[in-house]
């Protein structure tokens, strides 16, 4: 893998109840990324993804647009080291 990396992103706006997580899962799978997306109690969506840096950049672009019913206000992204902790990309459910 060329230039592996990881991102953690919080997506703000109207991003719950609009198929946002399913949209992210599809885009991440198309880009060959692993990780997850989940709703948080404050109405945001958390995304963690790993893979090639170039593909992660593309995913961030998708996070900023979202599916048609979503209204993304902002995306706060933090980059980190690749861990290899994930296999595939999943939708997760928040648990305390």
C-alpha atoms as a PDB file:
ATOM      1  CA  UNK A   1       0.000   0.000   0.000  1.00  0.00           C
ATOM      2  CA  UNK A   2       1.379   3.369  -1.008  1.00  0.00           C
ATOM      3  CA  UNK A   3       1.404   5.991   1.746  1.00  0.00           C
ATOM      4  CA  UNK A   4      -1.044   4.403   4.213  1.00  0.00           C
ATOM      5  CA  UNK A   5      -2.801   6.727   6.650  1.00  0.00           C
ATOM      6  CA  UNK A   6      -5.931   7.073   8.760  1.00  0.00           C
ATOM      7  CA  UNK A   7      -8.535   9.759   9.384  1.00  0.00           C
ATOM      8  CA  UNK A   8     -11.040  10.457  12.091  1.00  0.00           C
ATOM      9  CA  UNK A   9     -13.791  12.863  11.050  1.00  0.00           C
ATOM     10  CA  UNK A  10     -16.841  14.412  12.656  1.00  0.00           C
ATOM     11  CA  UNK A  11     -19.520  15.542  10.215  1.00  0.00           C
ATOM     12  CA  UNK A  12     -21.902  18.338  11.256  1.00  0.00           C
ATOM     13  CA  UNK A  13     -25.228  19.375   9.744  1.00  0.00           C
ATOM     14  CA  UNK A  14     -28.308  17.404   8.744  1.00  0.00           C
ATOM     15  CA  UNK A  15     -26.520  14.069   8.529  1.00  0.00           C
ATOM     16  CA  UNK A  16     -28.709  11.685  10.527  1.00  0.00           C
ATOM     17  CA  UNK A  17     -31.830  10.081   9.088  1.00  0.00           C
ATOM     18  CA  UNK A  18     -30.740  10.862   5.517  1.00  0.00           C
ATOM     19  CA  UNK A  19     -28.786   7.654   4.673  1.00  0.00           C
ATOM     20  CA  UNK A  20     -25.497   9.415   5.328  1.00  0.00           C
ATOM     21  CA  UNK A  21     -23.780   6.398   6.922  1.00  0.00           C
ATOM     22  CA  UNK A  22     -24.838   4.085   4.073  1.00  0.00           C
ATOM     23  CA  UNK A  23     -23.555   6.679   1.591  1.00  0.00           C
ATOM     24  CA  UNK A  24     -20.181   6.789   3.384  1.00  0.00           C
ATOM     25  CA  UNK A  25     -19.971   2.984   3.515  1.00  0.00           C
ATOM     26  CA  UNK A  26     -20.542   2.744  -0.262  1.00  0.00           C
ATOM     27  CA  UNK A  27     -18.006   5.451  -1.100  1.00  0.00           C
ATOM     28  CA  UNK A  28     -15.381   4.016   1.274  1.00  0.00           C
ATOM     29  CA  UNK A  29     -15.812   0.518  -0.177  1.00  0.00           C
ATOM     30  CA  UNK A  30     -15.463   1.897  -3.717  1.00  0.00           C
ATOM     31  CA  UNK A  31     -12.212   3.578  -2.637  1.00  0.00           C
ATOM     32  CA  UNK A  32     -10.855   0.425  -0.978  1.00  0.00           C
ATOM     33  CA  UNK A  33     -10.899   1.926   2.517  1.00  0.00           C
ATOM     34  CA  UNK A  34     -11.587   0.213   5.846  1.00  0.00           C
ATOM     35  CA  UNK A  35     -13.229   1.621   8.972  1.00  0.00           C
ATOM     36  CA  UNK A  36     -16.697   2.678  10.067  1.00  0.00           C
ATOM     37  CA  UNK A  37     -19.325   5.407  10.236  1.00  0.00           C
ATOM     38  CA  UNK A  38     -21.696   5.884  13.175  1.00  0.00           C
ATOM     39  CA  UNK A  39     -24.238   8.393  14.443  1.00  0.00           C
ATOM     40  CA  UNK A  40     -23.360  10.201  17.670  1.00  0.00           C
ATOM     41  CA  UNK A  41     -25.935  11.394  20.234  1.00  0.00           C
ATOM     42  CA  UNK A  42     -25.338  15.081  19.418  1.00  0.00           C
ATOM     43  CA  UNK A  43     -26.603  14.661  15.834  1.00  0.00           C
ATOM     44  CA  UNK A  44     -23.186  14.380  14.189  1.00  0.00           C
ATOM     45  CA  UNK A  45     -21.683  11.418  12.348  1.00  0.00           C
ATOM     46  CA  UNK A  46     -18.267  10.005  13.249  1.00  0.00           C
ATOM     47  CA  UNK A  47     -16.176   8.466  10.482  1.00  0.00           C
ATOM     48  CA  UNK A  48     -12.951   6.536  10.960  1.00  0.00           C
ATOM     49  CA  UNK A  49     -11.196   5.288   7.851  1.00  0.00           C
ATOM     50  CA  UNK A  50      -7.845   3.821   6.876  1.00  0.00           C
ATOM     51  CA  UNK A  51      -6.138   3.190   3.576  1.00  0.00           C
ATOM     52  CA  UNK A  52      -4.111   5.035   0.980  1.00  0.00           C
ATOM     53  CA  UNK A  53      -3.786   8.757   1.651  1.00  0.00           C
ATOM     54  CA  UNK A  54      -4.978   9.690  -1.858  1.00  0.00           C
ATOM     55  CA  UNK A  55      -8.152   7.598  -1.416  1.00  0.00           C
ATOM     56  CA  UNK A  56      -8.765   9.137   2.020  1.00  0.00           C
ATOM     57  CA  UNK A  57      -8.575  12.597   0.435  1.00  0.00           C
ATOM     58  CA  UNK A  58     -11.290  11.515  -2.012  1.00  0.00           C
ATOM     59  CA  UNK A  59     -13.426  10.198   0.854  1.00  0.00           C
ATOM     60  CA  UNK A  60     -13.156  13.562   2.638  1.00  0.00           C
ATOM     61  CA  UNK A  61     -14.573  15.181  -0.512  1.00  0.00           C
ATOM     62  CA  UNK A  62     -17.518  12.766  -0.359  1.00  0.00           C
ATOM     63  CA  UNK A  63     -18.002  13.507   3.360  1.00  0.00           C
ATOM     64  CA  UNK A  64     -18.244  17.215   2.538  1.00  0.00           C
ATOM     65  CA  UNK A  65     -20.981  16.679  -0.065  1.00  0.00           C
ATOM     66  CA  UNK A  66     -22.946  13.753   1.392  1.00  0.00           C
ATOM     67  CA  UNK A  67     -26.027  12.113  -0.151  1.00  0.00           C
ATOM     68  CA  UNK A  68     -28.783  14.263  -1.734  1.00  0.00           C
ATOM     69  CA  UNK A  69     -30.947  14.625   1.418  1.00  0.00           C
ATOM     70  CA  UNK A  70     -28.013  15.620   3.646  1.00  0.00           C
ATOM     71  CA  UNK A  71     -26.941  19.178   4.394  1.00  0.00           C
ATOM     72  CA  UNK A  72     -23.322  19.093   5.526  1.00  0.00           C
ATOM     73  CA  UNK A  73     -22.348  22.186   7.531  1.00  0.00           C
ATOM     74  CA  UNK A  74     -18.713  21.226   8.167  1.00  0.00           C
ATOM     75  CA  UNK A  75     -16.321  18.292   8.439  1.00  0.00           C
ATOM     76  CA  UNK A  76     -13.590  18.308  11.081  1.00  0.00           C
ATOM     77  CA  UNK A  77     -10.851  15.850  10.099  1.00  0.00           C
ATOM     78  CA  UNK A  78      -7.808  14.618  11.997  1.00  0.00           C
ATOM     79  CA  UNK A  79      -5.088  12.584  10.285  1.00  0.00           C
ATOM     80  CA  UNK A  80      -3.200   9.814  12.066  1.00  0.00           C
ATOM     81  CA  UNK A  81      -1.015   6.780  11.480  1.00  0.00           C
ATOM     82  CA  UNK A  82      -2.385   3.690   9.730  1.00  0.00           C
ATOM     83  CA  UNK A  83      -3.121   0.902  12.253  1.00  0.00           C
ATOM     84  CA  UNK A  84      -4.616  -1.941  10.214  1.00  0.00           C
ATOM     85  CA  UNK A  85      -7.299  -2.368  12.902  1.00  0.00           C
ATOM     86  CA  UNK A  86     -10.228  -2.574  10.464  1.00  0.00           C
ATOM     87  CA  UNK A  87     -11.331  -5.092   7.862  1.00  0.00           C
ATOM     88  CA  UNK A  88     -13.895  -3.679   5.465  1.00  0.00           C
ATOM     89  CA  UNK A  89     -16.078  -0.660   6.125  1.00  0.00           C
ATOM     90  CA  UNK A  90     -19.130  -0.891   8.363  1.00  0.00           C
ATOM     91  CA  UNK A  91     -21.991   1.119   9.763  1.00  0.00           C
ATOM     92  CA  UNK A  92     -21.859   1.070  13.541  1.00  0.00           C
ATOM     93  CA  UNK A  93     -24.396   2.008  16.151  1.00  0.00           C
ATOM     94  CA  UNK A  94     -23.553   4.279  19.045  1.00  0.00           C
ATOM     95  CA  UNK A  95     -23.299   2.674  22.467  1.00  0.00           C
ATOM     96  CA  UNK A  96     -22.270   4.386  25.659  1.00  0.00           C
END
